């Protein structure tokens, strides 16, 4: 590989890594317990 291809590979790997970390953090923040109170009573869901 020449120098430009190596640079593109490194930048691409960093972008993919950032996307994976972002998805992991997003899913982690949206996990937990959801509690709803409605006409049919109380509903508790694990995420």
Protein backbone atom coordinates (compact mmCIF):
# COMPACT_ATOMS: atom_id res chain seq x y z
CA UNK A 1 0.00 0.00 0.00
CA UNK A 2 1.18 3.48 -0.63
CA UNK A 3 1.02 6.33 1.85
CA UNK A 4 -2.40 7.69 0.77
CA UNK A 5 -4.08 4.28 0.98
CA UNK A 6 -2.71 3.79 4.48
CA UNK A 7 -4.03 7.18 5.55
CA UNK A 8 -7.49 6.40 4.11
CA UNK A 9 -7.48 3.03 5.89
CA UNK A 10 -6.62 4.61 9.25
CA UNK A 11 -9.24 7.35 8.88
CA UNK A 12 -11.87 4.79 7.83
CA UNK A 13 -11.06 2.55 10.79
CA UNK A 14 -11.38 5.52 13.17
CA UNK A 15 -14.76 6.49 11.68
CA UNK A 16 -16.06 2.93 12.02
CA UNK A 17 -14.76 2.79 15.60
CA UNK A 18 -16.52 6.04 16.48
CA UNK A 19 -19.78 4.78 14.99
CA UNK A 20 -19.56 1.54 16.99
CA UNK A 21 -18.85 3.42 20.22
CA UNK A 22 -21.69 5.85 19.51
CA UNK A 23 -24.20 3.05 18.94
CA UNK A 24 -23.04 1.30 22.12
CA UNK A 25 -23.44 4.48 24.21
CA UNK A 26 -26.85 5.24 22.64
CA UNK A 27 -28.15 1.74 23.42
CA UNK A 28 -26.72 1.87 26.94
CA UNK A 29 -28.52 5.13 27.73
CA UNK A 30 -31.82 3.81 26.39
CA UNK A 31 -31.72 0.67 28.48
CA UNK A 32 -33.43 0.33 31.82
CA UNK A 33 -36.98 0.00 33.03
CA UNK A 34 -40.01 1.64 31.45
CA UNK A 35 -43.08 2.12 33.65
CA UNK A 36 -46.44 3.09 32.16
CA UNK A 37 -49.64 3.87 34.01
CA UNK A 38 -52.76 3.69 31.88
CA UNK A 39 -56.40 2.68 31.85
CA UNK A 40 -55.48 -1.00 32.00
CA UNK A 41 -53.24 -0.60 35.04
CA UNK A 42 -49.50 -0.45 35.53
CA UNK A 43 -47.08 -1.87 32.97
CA UNK A 44 -43.37 -2.45 33.68
CA UNK A 45 -41.02 -3.35 30.80
CA UNK A 46 -37.31 -4.16 30.94
CA UNK A 47 -35.26 -2.78 28.09
